[in-house]
Amino acid sequence: NKHTRYAEPVVRGLGLDNRAATVICGDTV
């Protein structure tokens, strides 16, 4: 439920962005 503005930097900074098959944030839908 974390909005993209806050979630994406964390996911990317922890190196999860290239490992996760999909990332859905609180404002994706």
mmCIF file of all heavy atoms, coordinates in Angstrom:
data_MODEL
# 
_entry.id   MODEL 
# 
loop_
_atom_site.group_PDB 
_atom_site.id 
_atom_site.type_symbol 
_atom_site.label_atom_id 
_atom_site.label_alt_id 
_atom_site.label_comp_id 
_atom_site.label_asym_id 
_atom_site.label_entity_id 
_atom_site.label_seq_id 
_atom_site.pdbx_PDB_ins_code 
_atom_site.Cartn_x 
_atom_site.Cartn_y 
_atom_site.Cartn_z 
_atom_site.occupancy 
_atom_site.B_iso_or_equiv 
_atom_site.pdbx_formal_charge 
_atom_site.auth_seq_id 
_atom_site.auth_comp_id 
_atom_site.auth_asym_id 
_atom_site.auth_atom_id 
_atom_site.pdbx_PDB_model_num 
ATOM 1   N N   . ASN A 1 1  ? 0.812  -1.211  0.000   1.00 0.00 ? 1  ASN A N   1 
ATOM 2   C CA  . ASN A 1 1  ? 0.000  0.000   0.000   1.00 0.00 ? 1  ASN A CA  1 
ATOM 3   C C   . ASN A 1 1  ? 0.846  1.261   0.000   1.00 0.00 ? 1  ASN A C   1 
ATOM 4   O O   . ASN A 1 1  ? 0.327  2.370   -0.094  1.00 0.00 ? 1  ASN A O   1 
ATOM 5   C CB  . ASN A 1 1  ? -0.940 0.017   1.211   1.00 0.00 ? 1  ASN A CB  1 
ATOM 6   C CG  . ASN A 1 1  ? -2.268 -0.678  0.923   1.00 0.00 ? 1  ASN A CG  1 
ATOM 7   O OD1 . ASN A 1 1  ? -2.470 -1.246  -0.149  1.00 0.00 ? 1  ASN A OD1 1 
ATOM 8   N ND2 . ASN A 1 1  ? -3.166 -0.649  1.891   1.00 0.00 ? 1  ASN A ND2 1 
ATOM 9   N N   . LYS A 1 2  ? 2.164  1.098   0.104   1.00 0.00 ? 2  LYS A N   1 
ATOM 10  C CA  . LYS A 1 2  ? 3.069  2.245   0.041   1.00 0.00 ? 2  LYS A CA  1 
ATOM 11  C C   . LYS A 1 2  ? 2.996  2.849   -1.364  1.00 0.00 ? 2  LYS A C   1 
ATOM 12  O O   . LYS A 1 2  ? 3.081  2.127   -2.360  1.00 0.00 ? 2  LYS A O   1 
ATOM 13  C CB  . LYS A 1 2  ? 4.496  1.734   0.293   1.00 0.00 ? 2  LYS A CB  1 
ATOM 14  C CG  . LYS A 1 2  ? 5.406  2.612   1.075   1.00 0.00 ? 2  LYS A CG  1 
ATOM 15  C CD  . LYS A 1 2  ? 6.764  1.935   1.195   1.00 0.00 ? 2  LYS A CD  1 
ATOM 16  C CE  . LYS A 1 2  ? 7.644  2.567   2.250   1.00 0.00 ? 2  LYS A CE  1 
ATOM 17  N NZ  . LYS A 1 2  ? 7.258  2.103   3.595   1.00 0.00 ? 2  LYS A NZ  1 
ATOM 18  N N   . HIS A 1 3  ? 2.836  4.151   -1.462  1.00 0.00 ? 3  HIS A N   1 
ATOM 19  C CA  . HIS A 1 3  ? 2.751  4.778   -2.772  1.00 0.00 ? 3  HIS A CA  1 
ATOM 20  C C   . HIS A 1 3  ? 4.094  4.684   -3.504  1.00 0.00 ? 3  HIS A C   1 
ATOM 21  O O   . HIS A 1 3  ? 5.154  4.559   -2.891  1.00 0.00 ? 3  HIS A O   1 
ATOM 22  C CB  . HIS A 1 3  ? 2.320  6.237   -2.639  1.00 0.00 ? 3  HIS A CB  1 
ATOM 23  C CG  . HIS A 1 3  ? 0.837  6.392   -2.476  1.00 0.00 ? 3  HIS A CG  1 
ATOM 24  N ND1 . HIS A 1 3  ? 0.146  7.516   -2.859  1.00 0.00 ? 3  HIS A ND1 1 
ATOM 25  C CD2 . HIS A 1 3  ? -0.106 5.535   -1.980  1.00 0.00 ? 3  HIS A CD2 1 
ATOM 26  C CE1 . HIS A 1 3  ? -1.143 7.369   -2.614  1.00 0.00 ? 3  HIS A CE1 1 
ATOM 27  N NE2 . HIS A 1 3  ? -1.322 6.174   -2.079  1.00 0.00 ? 3  HIS A NE2 1 
ATOM 28  N N   . THR A 1 4  ? 4.020  4.753   -4.814  1.00 0.00 ? 4  THR A N   1 
ATOM 29  C CA  . THR A 1 4  ? 5.198  4.585   -5.662  1.00 0.00 ? 4  THR A CA  1 
ATOM 30  C C   . THR A 1 4  ? 6.332  5.519   -5.248  1.00 0.00 ? 4  THR A C   1 
ATOM 31  O O   . THR A 1 4  ? 7.498  5.113   -5.234  1.00 0.00 ? 4  THR A O   1 
ATOM 32  C CB  . THR A 1 4  ? 4.822  4.855   -7.123  1.00 0.00 ? 4  THR A CB  1 
ATOM 33  O OG1 . THR A 1 4  ? 3.751  3.980   -7.498  1.00 0.00 ? 4  THR A OG1 1 
ATOM 34  C CG2 . THR A 1 4  ? 6.005  4.619   -8.046  1.00 0.00 ? 4  THR A CG2 1 
ATOM 35  N N   . ARG A 1 5  ? 6.005  6.745   -4.912  1.00 0.00 ? 5  ARG A N   1 
ATOM 36  C CA  . ARG A 1 5  ? 7.012  7.747   -4.547  1.00 0.00 ? 5  ARG A CA  1 
ATOM 37  C C   . ARG A 1 5  ? 7.901  7.256   -3.398  1.00 0.00 ? 5  ARG A C   1 
ATOM 38  O O   . ARG A 1 5  ? 9.092  7.573   -3.358  1.00 0.00 ? 5  ARG A O   1 
ATOM 39  C CB  . ARG A 1 5  ? 6.302  9.039   -4.154  1.00 0.00 ? 5  ARG A CB  1 
ATOM 40  C CG  . ARG A 1 5  ? 7.224  10.122  -3.610  1.00 0.00 ? 5  ARG A CG  1 
ATOM 41  C CD  . ARG A 1 5  ? 6.416  11.356  -3.274  1.00 0.00 ? 5  ARG A CD  1 
ATOM 42  N NE  . ARG A 1 5  ? 7.227  12.388  -2.646  1.00 0.00 ? 5  ARG A NE  1 
ATOM 43  C CZ  . ARG A 1 5  ? 6.764  13.576  -2.275  1.00 0.00 ? 5  ARG A CZ  1 
ATOM 44  N NH1 . ARG A 1 5  ? 5.478  13.872  -2.475  1.00 0.00 ? 5  ARG A NH1 1 
ATOM 45  N NH2 . ARG A 1 5  ? 7.563  14.460  -1.714  1.00 0.00 ? 5  ARG A NH2 1 
ATOM 46  N N   . TYR A 1 6  ? 7.327  6.491   -2.480  1.00 0.00 ? 6  TYR A N   1 
ATOM 47  C CA  . TYR A 1 6  ? 8.068  6.012   -1.319  1.00 0.00 ? 6  TYR A CA  1 
ATOM 48  C C   . TYR A 1 6  ? 8.542  4.573   -1.492  1.00 0.00 ? 6  TYR A C   1 
ATOM 49  O O   . TYR A 1 6  ? 9.600  4.212   -0.972  1.00 0.00 ? 6  TYR A O   1 
ATOM 50  C CB  . TYR A 1 6  ? 7.199  6.123   -0.062  1.00 0.00 ? 6  TYR A CB  1 
ATOM 51  C CG  . TYR A 1 6  ? 6.615  7.498   0.122   1.00 0.00 ? 6  TYR A CG  1 
ATOM 52  C CD1 . TYR A 1 6  ? 5.280  7.758   -0.170  1.00 0.00 ? 6  TYR A CD1 1 
ATOM 53  C CD2 . TYR A 1 6  ? 7.401  8.559   0.556   1.00 0.00 ? 6  TYR A CD2 1 
ATOM 54  C CE1 . TYR A 1 6  ? 4.743  9.024   -0.028  1.00 0.00 ? 6  TYR A CE1 1 
ATOM 55  C CE2 . TYR A 1 6  ? 6.874  9.839   0.701   1.00 0.00 ? 6  TYR A CE2 1 
ATOM 56  C CZ  . TYR A 1 6  ? 5.538  10.063  0.403   1.00 0.00 ? 6  TYR A CZ  1 
ATOM 57  O OH  . TYR A 1 6  ? 5.017  11.334  0.531   1.00 0.00 ? 6  TYR A OH  1 
ATOM 58  N N   . ALA A 1 7  ? 7.777  3.779   -2.206  1.00 0.00 ? 7  ALA A N   1 
ATOM 59  C CA  . ALA A 1 7  ? 8.109  2.356   -2.339  1.00 0.00 ? 7  ALA A CA  1 
ATOM 60  C C   . ALA A 1 7  ? 9.252  2.109   -3.317  1.00 0.00 ? 7  ALA A C   1 
ATOM 61  O O   . ALA A 1 7  ? 10.162 1.315   -3.029  1.00 0.00 ? 7  ALA A O   1 
ATOM 62  C CB  . ALA A 1 7  ? 6.877  1.564   -2.770  1.00 0.00 ? 7  ALA A CB  1 
ATOM 63  N N   . GLU A 1 8  ? 9.215  2.767   -4.477  1.00 0.00 ? 8  GLU A N   1 
ATOM 64  C CA  . GLU A 1 8  ? 10.207 2.451   -5.501  1.00 0.00 ? 8  GLU A CA  1 
ATOM 65  C C   . GLU A 1 8  ? 11.643 2.724   -5.061  1.00 0.00 ? 8  GLU A C   1 
ATOM 66  O O   . GLU A 1 8  ? 12.524 1.891   -5.297  1.00 0.00 ? 8  GLU A O   1 
ATOM 67  C CB  . GLU A 1 8  ? 9.881  3.198   -6.805  1.00 0.00 ? 8  GLU A CB  1 
ATOM 68  C CG  . GLU A 1 8  ? 8.807  2.507   -7.616  1.00 0.00 ? 8  GLU A CG  1 
ATOM 69  C CD  . GLU A 1 8  ? 8.741  3.037   -9.040  1.00 0.00 ? 8  GLU A CD  1 
ATOM 70  O OE1 . GLU A 1 8  ? 9.398  4.062   -9.347  1.00 0.00 ? 8  GLU A OE1 1 
ATOM 71  O OE2 . GLU A 1 8  ? 8.023  2.411   -9.846  1.00 0.00 ? 8  GLU A OE2 1 
ATOM 72  N N   . PRO A 1 9  ? 11.930 3.850   -4.410  1.00 0.00 ? 9  PRO A N   1 
ATOM 73  C CA  . PRO A 1 9  ? 13.317 4.060   -3.958  1.00 0.00 ? 9  PRO A CA  1 
ATOM 74  C C   . PRO A 1 9  ? 13.782 2.991   -2.974  1.00 0.00 ? 9  PRO A C   1 
ATOM 75  O O   . PRO A 1 9  ? 14.952 2.591   -2.995  1.00 0.00 ? 9  PRO A O   1 
ATOM 76  C CB  . PRO A 1 9  ? 13.270 5.445   -3.304  1.00 0.00 ? 9  PRO A CB  1 
ATOM 77  C CG  . PRO A 1 9  ? 12.111 6.129   -3.934  1.00 0.00 ? 9  PRO A CG  1 
ATOM 78  C CD  . PRO A 1 9  ? 11.104 5.052   -4.157  1.00 0.00 ? 9  PRO A CD  1 
ATOM 79  N N   . VAL A 1 10 ? 12.881 2.528   -2.115  1.00 0.00 ? 10 VAL A N   1 
ATOM 80  C CA  . VAL A 1 10 ? 13.246 1.500   -1.142  1.00 0.00 ? 10 VAL A CA  1 
ATOM 81  C C   . VAL A 1 10 ? 13.493 0.172   -1.844  1.00 0.00 ? 10 VAL A C   1 
ATOM 82  O O   . VAL A 1 10 ? 14.503 -0.504  -1.591  1.00 0.00 ? 10 VAL A O   1 
ATOM 83  C CB  . VAL A 1 10 ? 12.148 1.368   -0.067  1.00 0.00 ? 10 VAL A CB  1 
ATOM 84  C CG1 . VAL A 1 10 ? 12.407 0.153   0.819   1.00 0.00 ? 10 VAL A CG1 1 
ATOM 85  C CG2 . VAL A 1 10 ? 12.087 2.634   0.785   1.00 0.00 ? 10 VAL A CG2 1 
ATOM 86  N N   . VAL A 1 11 ? 12.575 -0.213  -2.711  1.00 0.00 ? 11 VAL A N   1 
ATOM 87  C CA  . VAL A 1 11 ? 12.726 -1.481  -3.438  1.00 0.00 ? 11 VAL A CA  1 
ATOM 88  C C   . VAL A 1 11 ? 14.000 -1.468  -4.272  1.00 0.00 ? 11 VAL A C   1 
ATOM 89  O O   . VAL A 1 11 ? 14.769 -2.449  -4.286  1.00 0.00 ? 11 VAL A O   1 
ATOM 90  C CB  . VAL A 1 11 ? 11.484 -1.741  -4.322  1.00 0.00 ? 11 VAL A CB  1 
ATOM 91  C CG1 . VAL A 1 11 ? 11.712 -2.921  -5.257  1.00 0.00 ? 11 VAL A CG1 1 
ATOM 92  C CG2 . VAL A 1 11 ? 10.258 -1.996  -3.449  1.00 0.00 ? 11 VAL A CG2 1 
ATOM 93  N N   . ARG A 1 12 ? 14.254 -0.360  -4.941  1.00 0.00 ? 12 ARG A N   1 
ATOM 94  C CA  . ARG A 1 12 ? 15.461 -0.240  -5.760  1.00 0.00 ? 12 ARG A CA  1 
ATOM 95  C C   . ARG A 1 12 ? 16.719 -0.198  -4.882  1.00 0.00 ? 12 ARG A C   1 
ATOM 96  O O   . ARG A 1 12 ? 17.720 -0.861  -5.168  1.00 0.00 ? 12 ARG A O   1 
ATOM 97  C CB  . ARG A 1 12 ? 15.369 1.021   -6.619  1.00 0.00 ? 12 ARG A CB  1 
ATOM 98  C CG  . ARG A 1 12 ? 16.530 1.191   -7.601  1.00 0.00 ? 12 ARG A CG  1 
ATOM 99  C CD  . ARG A 1 12 ? 16.276 2.338   -8.556  1.00 0.00 ? 12 ARG A CD  1 
ATOM 100 N NE  . ARG A 1 12 ? 16.100 3.611   -7.871  1.00 0.00 ? 12 ARG A NE  1 
ATOM 101 C CZ  . ARG A 1 12 ? 14.931 4.258   -7.766  1.00 0.00 ? 12 ARG A CZ  1 
ATOM 102 N NH1 . ARG A 1 12 ? 13.833 3.741   -8.289  1.00 0.00 ? 12 ARG A NH1 1 
ATOM 103 N NH2 . ARG A 1 12 ? 14.859 5.421   -7.127  1.00 0.00 ? 12 ARG A NH2 1 
ATOM 104 N N   . GLY A 1 13 ? 16.670 0.575   -3.809  1.00 0.00 ? 13 GLY A N   1 
ATOM 105 C CA  . GLY A 1 13 ? 17.835 0.720   -2.944  1.00 0.00 ? 13 GLY A CA  1 
ATOM 106 C C   . GLY A 1 13 ? 18.238 -0.567  -2.257  1.00 0.00 ? 13 GLY A C   1 
ATOM 107 O O   . GLY A 1 13 ? 19.416 -0.767  -1.933  1.00 0.00 ? 13 GLY A O   1 
ATOM 108 N N   . LEU A 1 14 ? 17.278 -1.475  -2.046  1.00 0.00 ? 14 LEU A N   1 
ATOM 109 C CA  . LEU A 1 14 ? 17.562 -2.760  -1.415  1.00 0.00 ? 14 LEU A CA  1 
ATOM 110 C C   . LEU A 1 14 ? 17.866 -3.852  -2.433  1.00 0.00 ? 14 LEU A C   1 
ATOM 111 O O   . LEU A 1 14 ? 18.057 -5.011  -2.070  1.00 0.00 ? 14 LEU A O   1 
ATOM 112 C CB  . LEU A 1 14 ? 16.378 -3.182  -0.531  1.00 0.00 ? 14 LEU A CB  1 
ATOM 113 C CG  . LEU A 1 14 ? 16.103 -2.272  0.673   1.00 0.00 ? 14 LEU A CG  1 
ATOM 114 C CD1 . LEU A 1 14 ? 14.862 -2.751  1.423   1.00 0.00 ? 14 LEU A CD1 1 
ATOM 115 C CD2 . LEU A 1 14 ? 17.299 -2.215  1.611   1.00 0.00 ? 14 LEU A CD2 1 
ATOM 116 N N   . GLY A 1 15 ? 17.911 -3.478  -3.702  1.00 0.00 ? 15 GLY A N   1 
ATOM 117 C CA  . GLY A 1 15 ? 18.250 -4.437  -4.740  1.00 0.00 ? 15 GLY A CA  1 
ATOM 118 C C   . GLY A 1 15 ? 17.165 -5.447  -5.028  1.00 0.00 ? 15 GLY A C   1 
ATOM 119 O O   . GLY A 1 15 ? 17.444 -6.535  -5.556  1.00 0.00 ? 15 GLY A O   1 
ATOM 120 N N   . LEU A 1 16 ? 15.916 -5.100  -4.754  1.00 0.00 ? 16 LEU A N   1 
ATOM 121 C CA  . LEU A 1 16 ? 14.814 -6.022  -4.980  1.00 0.00 ? 16 LEU A CA  1 
ATOM 122 C C   . LEU A 1 16 ? 14.126 -5.797  -6.322  1.00 0.00 ? 16 LEU A C   1 
ATOM 123 O O   . LEU A 1 16 ? 13.373 -6.653  -6.779  1.00 0.00 ? 16 LEU A O   1 
ATOM 124 C CB  . LEU A 1 16 ? 13.770 -5.879  -3.857  1.00 0.00 ? 16 LEU A CB  1 
ATOM 125 C CG  . LEU A 1 16 ? 14.247 -6.234  -2.449  1.00 0.00 ? 16 LEU A CG  1 
ATOM 126 C CD1 . LEU A 1 16 ? 13.163 -5.884  -1.436  1.00 0.00 ? 16 LEU A CD1 1 
ATOM 127 C CD2 . LEU A 1 16 ? 14.616 -7.709  -2.353  1.00 0.00 ? 16 LEU A CD2 1 
ATOM 128 N N   . ASP A 1 17 ? 14.392 -4.656  -6.943  1.00 0.00 ? 17 ASP A N   1 
ATOM 129 C CA  . ASP A 1 17 ? 13.673 -4.318  -8.170  1.00 0.00 ? 17 ASP A CA  1 
ATOM 130 C C   . ASP A 1 17 ? 13.972 -5.279  -9.309  1.00 0.00 ? 17 ASP A C   1 
ATOM 131 O O   . ASP A 1 17 ? 13.088 -5.595  -10.115 1.00 0.00 ? 17 ASP A O   1 
ATOM 132 C CB  . ASP A 1 17 ? 13.979 -2.882  -8.605  1.00 0.00 ? 17 ASP A CB  1 
ATOM 133 C CG  . ASP A 1 17 ? 15.465 -2.608  -8.731  1.00 0.00 ? 17 ASP A CG  1 
ATOM 134 O OD1 . ASP A 1 17 ? 16.261 -3.211  -7.983  1.00 0.00 ? 17 ASP A OD1 1 
ATOM 135 O OD2 . ASP A 1 17 ? 15.852 -1.785  -9.591  1.00 0.00 ? 17 ASP A OD2 1 
ATOM 136 N N   . ASN A 1 18 ? 15.206 -5.775  -9.389  1.00 0.00 ? 18 ASN A N   1 
ATOM 137 C CA  . ASN A 1 18 ? 15.559 -6.699  -10.470 1.00 0.00 ? 18 ASN A CA  1 
ATOM 138 C C   . ASN A 1 18 ? 15.278 -8.147  -10.130 1.00 0.00 ? 18 ASN A C   1 
ATOM 139 O O   . ASN A 1 18 ? 15.477 -9.032  -10.962 1.00 0.00 ? 18 ASN A O   1 
ATOM 140 C CB  . ASN A 1 18 ? 17.048 -6.542  -10.816 1.00 0.00 ? 18 ASN A CB  1 
ATOM 141 C CG  . ASN A 1 18 ? 17.349 -5.193  -11.446 1.00 0.00 ? 18 ASN A CG  1 
ATOM 142 O OD1 . ASN A 1 18 ? 16.534 -4.667  -12.201 1.00 0.00 ? 18 ASN A OD1 1 
ATOM 143 N ND2 . ASN A 1 18 ? 18.494 -4.626  -11.119 1.00 0.00 ? 18 ASN A ND2 1 
ATOM 144 N N   . ARG A 1 19 ? 14.827 -8.394  -8.914  1.00 0.00 ? 19 ARG A N   1 
ATOM 145 C CA  . ARG A 1 19 ? 14.537 -9.761  -8.484  1.00 0.00 ? 19 ARG A CA  1 
ATOM 146 C C   . ARG A 1 19 ? 13.045 -10.048 -8.437  1.00 0.00 ? 19 ARG A C   1 
ATOM 147 O O   . ARG A 1 19 ? 12.618 -11.184 -8.669  1.00 0.00 ? 19 ARG A O   1 
ATOM 148 C CB  . ARG A 1 19 ? 15.167 -10.015 -7.108  1.00 0.00 ? 19 ARG A CB  1 
ATOM 149 C CG  . ARG A 1 19 ? 16.687 -9.816  -7.095  1.00 0.00 ? 19 ARG A CG  1 
ATOM 150 C CD  . ARG A 1 19 ? 17.236 -9.863  -5.688  1.00 0.00 ? 19 ARG A CD  1 
ATOM 151 N NE  . ARG A 1 19 ? 17.003 -11.162 -5.068  1.00 0.00 ? 19 ARG A NE  1 
ATOM 152 C CZ  . ARG A 1 19 ? 17.181 -11.417 -3.776  1.00 0.00 ? 19 ARG A CZ  1 
ATOM 153 N NH1 . ARG A 1 19 ? 17.590 -10.438 -2.976  1.00 0.00 ? 19 ARG A NH1 1 
ATOM 154 N NH2 . ARG A 1 19 ? 16.961 -12.614 -3.294  1.00 0.00 ? 19 ARG A NH2 1 
ATOM 155 N N   . ALA A 1 20 ? 12.277 -9.042  -8.116  1.00 0.00 ? 20 ALA A N   1 
ATOM 156 C CA  . ALA A 1 20 ? 10.827 -9.222  -8.036  1.00 0.00 ? 20 ALA A CA  1 
ATOM 157 C C   . ALA A 1 20 ? 10.235 -9.314  -9.436  1.00 0.00 ? 20 ALA A C   1 
ATOM 158 O O   . ALA A 1 20 ? 10.583 -8.533  -10.329 1.00 0.00 ? 20 ALA A O   1 
ATOM 159 C CB  . ALA A 1 20 ? 10.197 -8.074  -7.269  1.00 0.00 ? 20 ALA A CB  1 
ATOM 160 N N   . ALA A 1 21 ? 9.316  -10.247 -9.612  1.00 0.00 ? 21 ALA A N   1 
ATOM 161 C CA  . ALA A 1 21 ? 8.675  -10.417 -10.919 1.00 0.00 ? 21 ALA A CA  1 
ATOM 162 C C   . ALA A 1 21 ? 7.679  -9.309  -11.192 1.00 0.00 ? 21 ALA A C   1 
ATOM 163 O O   . ALA A 1 21 ? 7.388  -9.002  -12.353 1.00 0.00 ? 21 ALA A O   1 
ATOM 164 C CB  . ALA A 1 21 ? 7.981  -11.786 -10.984 1.00 0.00 ? 21 ALA A CB  1 
ATOM 165 N N   . THR A 1 22 ? 7.156  -8.690  -10.158 1.00 0.00 ? 22 THR A N   1 
ATOM 166 C CA  . THR A 1 22 ? 6.255  -7.555  -10.316 1.00 0.00 ? 22 THR A CA  1 
ATOM 167 C C   . THR A 1 22 ? 6.249  -6.769  -9.014  1.00 0.00 ? 22 THR A C   1 
ATOM 168 O O   . THR A 1 22 ? 6.474  -7.338  -7.936  1.00 0.00 ? 22 THR A O   1 
ATOM 169 C CB  . THR A 1 22 ? 4.816  -7.996  -10.684 1.00 0.00 ? 22 THR A CB  1 
ATOM 170 O OG1 . THR A 1 22 ? 4.029  -6.854  -11.007 1.00 0.00 ? 22 THR A OG1 1 
ATOM 171 C CG2 . THR A 1 22 ? 4.163  -8.762  -9.551  1.00 0.00 ? 22 THR A CG2 1 
ATOM 172 N N   . VAL A 1 23 ? 6.020  -5.470  -9.107  1.00 0.00 ? 23 VAL A N   1 
ATOM 173 C CA  . VAL A 1 23 ? 5.898  -4.611  -7.932  1.00 0.00 ? 23 VAL A CA  1 
ATOM 174 C C   . VAL A 1 23 ? 4.644  -3.754  -8.117  1.00 0.00 ? 23 VAL A C   1 
ATOM 175 O O   . VAL A 1 23 ? 4.562  -2.969  -9.066  1.00 0.00 ? 23 VAL A O   1 
ATOM 176 C CB  . VAL A 1 23 ? 7.131  -3.710  -7.732  1.00 0.00 ? 23 VAL A CB  1 
ATOM 177 C CG1 . VAL A 1 23 ? 6.919  -2.789  -6.526  1.00 0.00 ? 23 VAL A CG1 1 
ATOM 178 C CG2 . VAL A 1 23 ? 8.390  -4.540  -7.565  1.00 0.00 ? 23 VAL A CG2 1 
ATOM 179 N N   . ILE A 1 24 ? 3.685  -3.924  -7.228  1.00 0.00 ? 24 ILE A N   1 
ATOM 180 C CA  . ILE A 1 24 ? 2.446  -3.155  -7.259  1.00 0.00 ? 24 ILE A CA  1 
ATOM 181 C C   . ILE A 1 24 ? 2.424  -2.257  -6.028  1.00 0.00 ? 24 ILE A C   1 
ATOM 182 O O   . ILE A 1 24 ? 2.538  -2.740  -4.898  1.00 0.00 ? 24 ILE A O   1 
ATOM 183 C CB  . ILE A 1 24 ? 1.215  -4.082  -7.245  1.00 0.00 ? 24 ILE A CB  1 
ATOM 184 C CG1 . ILE A 1 24 ? 1.276  -5.094  -8.402  1.00 0.00 ? 24 ILE A CG1 1 
ATOM 185 C CG2 . ILE A 1 24 ? -0.069 -3.261  -7.309  1.00 0.00 ? 24 ILE A CG2 1 
ATOM 186 C CD1 . ILE A 1 24 ? 1.232  -4.483  -9.779  1.00 0.00 ? 24 ILE A CD1 1 
ATOM 187 N N   . CYS A 1 25 ? 2.264  -0.954  -6.255  1.00 0.00 ? 25 CYS A N   1 
ATOM 188 C CA  . CYS A 1 25 ? 2.285  0.012   -5.164  1.00 0.00 ? 25 CYS A CA  1 
ATOM 189 C C   . CYS A 1 25 ? 0.867  0.479   -4.833  1.00 0.00 ? 25 CYS A C   1 
ATOM 190 O O   . CYS A 1 25 ? -0.097 0.134   -5.522  1.00 0.00 ? 25 CYS A O   1 
ATOM 191 C CB  . CYS A 1 25 ? 3.161  1.202   -5.535  1.00 0.00 ? 25 CYS A CB  1 
ATOM 192 S SG  . CYS A 1 25 ? 4.879  0.751   -5.882  1.00 0.00 ? 25 CYS A SG  1 
ATOM 193 N N   . GLY A 1 26 ? 0.755  1.285   -3.790  1.00 0.00 ? 26 GLY A N   1 
ATOM 194 C CA  . GLY A 1 26 ? -0.560 1.707   -3.330  1.00 0.00 ? 26 GLY A CA  1 
ATOM 195 C C   . GLY A 1 26 ? -1.314 2.579   -4.296  1.00 0.00 ? 26 GLY A C   1 
ATOM 196 O O   . GLY A 1 26 ? -2.539 2.696   -4.200  1.00 0.00 ? 26 GLY A O   1 
ATOM 197 N N   . ASP A 1 27 ? -0.608 3.191   -5.239  1.00 0.00 ? 27 ASP A N   1 
ATOM 198 C CA  . ASP A 1 27 ? -1.264 4.028   -6.238  1.00 0.00 ? 27 ASP A CA  1 
ATOM 199 C C   . ASP A 1 27 ? -1.154 3.456   -7.648  1.00 0.00 ? 27 ASP A C   1 
ATOM 200 O O   . ASP A 1 27 ? -1.446 4.157   -8.625  1.00 0.00 ? 27 ASP A O   1 
ATOM 201 C CB  . ASP A 1 27 ? -0.702 5.447   -6.197  1.00 0.00 ? 27 ASP A CB  1 
ATOM 202 C CG  . ASP A 1 27 ? 0.823  5.488   -6.316  1.00 0.00 ? 27 ASP A CG  1 
ATOM 203 O OD1 . ASP A 1 27 ? 1.465  4.417   -6.251  1.00 0.00 ? 27 ASP A OD1 1 
ATOM 204 O OD2 . ASP A 1 27 ? 1.375  6.593   -6.469  1.00 0.00 ? 27 ASP A OD2 1 
ATOM 205 N N   . THR A 1 28 ? -0.769 2.193   -7.756  1.00 0.00 ? 28 THR A N   1 
ATOM 206 C CA  . THR A 1 28 ? -0.702 1.565   -9.085  1.00 0.00 ? 28 THR A CA  1 
ATOM 207 C C   . THR A 1 28 ? -2.095 1.402   -9.669  1.00 0.00 ? 28 THR A C   1 
ATOM 208 O O   . THR A 1 28 ? -2.312 1.572   -10.875 1.00 0.00 ? 28 THR A O   1 
ATOM 209 C CB  . THR A 1 28 ? -0.010 0.189   -8.992  1.00 0.00 ? 28 THR A CB  1 
ATOM 210 O OG1 . THR A 1 28 ? 1.312  0.358   -8.471  1.00 0.00 ? 28 THR A OG1 1 
ATOM 211 C CG2 . THR A 1 28 ? 0.062  -0.488  -10.353 1.00 0.00 ? 28 THR A CG2 1 
ATOM 212 N N   . VAL A 1 29 ? -3.048 1.041   -8.816  1.00 0.00 ? 29 VAL A N   1 
ATOM 213 C CA  . VAL A 1 29 ? -4.453 0.930   -9.220  1.00 0.00 ? 29 VAL A CA  1 
ATOM 214 C C   . VAL A 1 29 ? -5.260 1.890   -8.357  1.00 0.00 ? 29 VAL A C   1 
ATOM 215 O O   . VAL A 1 29 ? -4.750 2.475   -7.403  1.00 0.00 ? 29 VAL A O   1 
ATOM 216 C CB  . VAL A 1 29 ? -4.966 -0.520  -9.089  1.00 0.00 ? 29 VAL A CB  1 
ATOM 217 C CG1 . VAL A 1 29 ? -4.260 -1.433  -10.082 1.00 0.00 ? 29 VAL A CG1 1 
ATOM 218 C CG2 . VAL A 1 29 ? -4.791 -1.049  -7.669  1.00 0.00 ? 29 VAL A CG2 1 
# 
